[in-house]
Amino acid sequence: MIVINVKENEPIDKALKRFKKKFEKTGVLKALRARSYYEKKSVRLRTQVIRAAYRLKLQEGAID
C-alpha cells in the first residue's frame, strides 16, 4: 500500500506527483498490463530475446 503524507501548505499537485512516482516504481500497473491476457512462455522468451538484442545494438551504437 502506498502512503503519501501531505505536508502542511503543500500543493496537491506536488503530492500527486510524488504519488505517481511511487506508484510507477512499484510496477503494479506494468504487472497488471502484462497479466491482462495469457502469453505463452515461448512467446514471452522470444520477446525477451528480441528486446535484449535491441538493447545490445543500442549500446554498441549500431542504432541511432
C-alpha atoms as a PDB file:
ATOM      1  CA  MET A   1       0.000   0.000   0.000  1.00  0.00           C
ATOM      2  CA  ILE A   2       1.348   3.382  -0.990  1.00  0.00           C
ATOM      3  CA  VAL A   3       1.177   6.054   1.680  1.00  0.00           C
ATOM      4  CA  ILE A   4       1.772   9.701   0.857  1.00  0.00           C
ATOM      5  CA  ASN A   5       1.895  12.158   3.717  1.00  0.00           C
ATOM      6  CA  VAL A   6       0.749  15.557   2.507  1.00  0.00           C
ATOM      7  CA  LYS A   7       2.698  18.236   4.308  1.00  0.00           C
ATOM      8  CA  GLU A   8       1.178  21.469   5.524  1.00  0.00           C
ATOM      9  CA  ASN A   9       0.867  24.141   2.843  1.00  0.00           C
ATOM     10  CA  GLU A  10       1.950  21.613   0.191  1.00  0.00           C
ATOM     11  CA  PRO A  11       0.100  21.947  -3.104  1.00  0.00           C
ATOM     12  CA  ILE A  12      -1.964  18.960  -4.171  1.00  0.00           C
ATOM     13  CA  ASP A  13      -0.090  18.891  -7.477  1.00  0.00           C
ATOM     14  CA  LYS A  14       3.198  18.114  -5.745  1.00  0.00           C
ATOM     15  CA  ALA A  15       1.612  15.415  -3.594  1.00  0.00           C
ATOM     16  CA  LEU A  16       0.034  13.826  -6.668  1.00  0.00           C
ATOM     17  CA  LYS A  17       3.373  13.931  -8.460  1.00  0.00           C
ATOM     18  CA  ARG A  18       5.038  12.116  -5.540  1.00  0.00           C
ATOM     19  CA  PHE A  19       2.222   9.558  -5.507  1.00  0.00           C
ATOM     20  CA  LYS A  20       2.531   8.903  -9.229  1.00  0.00           C
ATOM     21  CA  LYS A  21       6.296   8.470  -8.928  1.00  0.00           C
ATOM     22  CA  LYS A  22       5.950   5.975  -6.062  1.00  0.00           C
ATOM     23  CA  PHE A  23       3.186   4.129  -7.901  1.00  0.00           C
ATOM     24  CA  GLU A  24       5.322   3.854 -11.025  1.00  0.00           C
ATOM     25  CA  LYS A  25       8.247   2.467  -9.015  1.00  0.00           C
ATOM     26  CA  THR A  26       6.125  -0.327  -7.539  1.00  0.00           C
ATOM     27  CA  GLY A  27       5.394  -1.734 -11.002  1.00  0.00           C
ATOM     28  CA  VAL A  28       1.773  -2.556 -10.233  1.00  0.00           C
ATOM     29  CA  LEU A  29       0.408  -1.137 -13.469  1.00  0.00           C
ATOM     30  CA  LYS A  30       3.090  -2.833 -15.560  1.00  0.00           C
ATOM     31  CA  ALA A  31       2.291  -6.201 -13.983  1.00  0.00           C
ATOM     32  CA  LEU A  32      -1.429  -5.637 -14.454  1.00  0.00           C
ATOM     33  CA  ARG A  33      -0.993  -4.932 -18.154  1.00  0.00           C
ATOM     34  CA  ALA A  34       1.275  -7.952 -18.551  1.00  0.00           C
ATOM     35  CA  ARG A  35      -1.354 -10.215 -16.974  1.00  0.00           C
ATOM     36  CA  SER A  36      -4.320  -8.784 -18.850  1.00  0.00           C
ATOM     37  CA  TYR A  37      -4.117 -11.713 -21.271  1.00  0.00           C
ATOM     38  CA  TYR A  38      -2.316 -15.044 -21.318  1.00  0.00           C
ATOM     39  CA  GLU A  39       1.009 -15.128 -23.108  1.00  0.00           C
ATOM     40  CA  LYS A  40       2.707 -18.422 -23.855  1.00  0.00           C
ATOM     41  CA  LYS A  41       6.104 -18.964 -22.298  1.00  0.00           C
ATOM     42  CA  SER A  42       7.738 -19.367 -25.718  1.00  0.00           C
ATOM     43  CA  VAL A  43       6.338 -16.030 -26.883  1.00  0.00           C
ATOM     44  CA  ARG A  44       7.478 -14.343 -23.671  1.00  0.00           C
ATOM     45  CA  LEU A  45      11.002 -15.719 -24.062  1.00  0.00           C
ATOM     46  CA  ARG A  46      11.125 -14.703 -27.729  1.00  0.00           C
ATOM     47  CA  THR A  47      10.189 -11.110 -26.904  1.00  0.00           C
ATOM     48  CA  GLN A  48      12.824 -11.035 -24.150  1.00  0.00           C
ATOM     49  CA  VAL A  49      15.488 -12.187 -26.622  1.00  0.00           C
ATOM     50  CA  ILE A  50      14.416  -9.581 -29.173  1.00  0.00           C
ATOM     51  CA  ARG A  51      14.494  -6.810 -26.553  1.00  0.00           C
ATOM     52  CA  ALA A  52      17.913  -7.914 -25.297  1.00  0.00           C
ATOM     53  CA  ALA A  53      19.300  -7.898 -28.851  1.00  0.00           C
ATOM     54  CA  TYR A  54      17.887  -4.413 -29.418  1.00  0.00           C
ATOM     55  CA  ARG A  55      19.436  -3.106 -26.187  1.00  0.00           C
ATOM     56  CA  LEU A  56      22.775  -4.653 -27.159  1.00  0.00           C
ATOM     57  CA  LYS A  57      22.664  -2.927 -30.545  1.00  0.00           C
ATOM     58  CA  LEU A  58      21.854   0.365 -28.823  1.00  0.00           C
ATOM     59  CA  GLN A  59      24.864   0.004 -26.529  1.00  0.00           C
ATOM     60  CA  GLU A  60      27.155  -0.808 -29.453  1.00  0.00           C
ATOM     61  CA  GLY A  61      25.930   2.248 -31.317  1.00  0.00           C
ATOM     62  CA  ALA A  62      24.584   0.349 -34.313  1.00  0.00           C
ATOM     63  CA  ILE A  63      21.176   2.000 -33.914  1.00  0.00           C
ATOM     64  CA  ASP A  64      20.904   5.775 -33.830  1.00  0.00           C
END
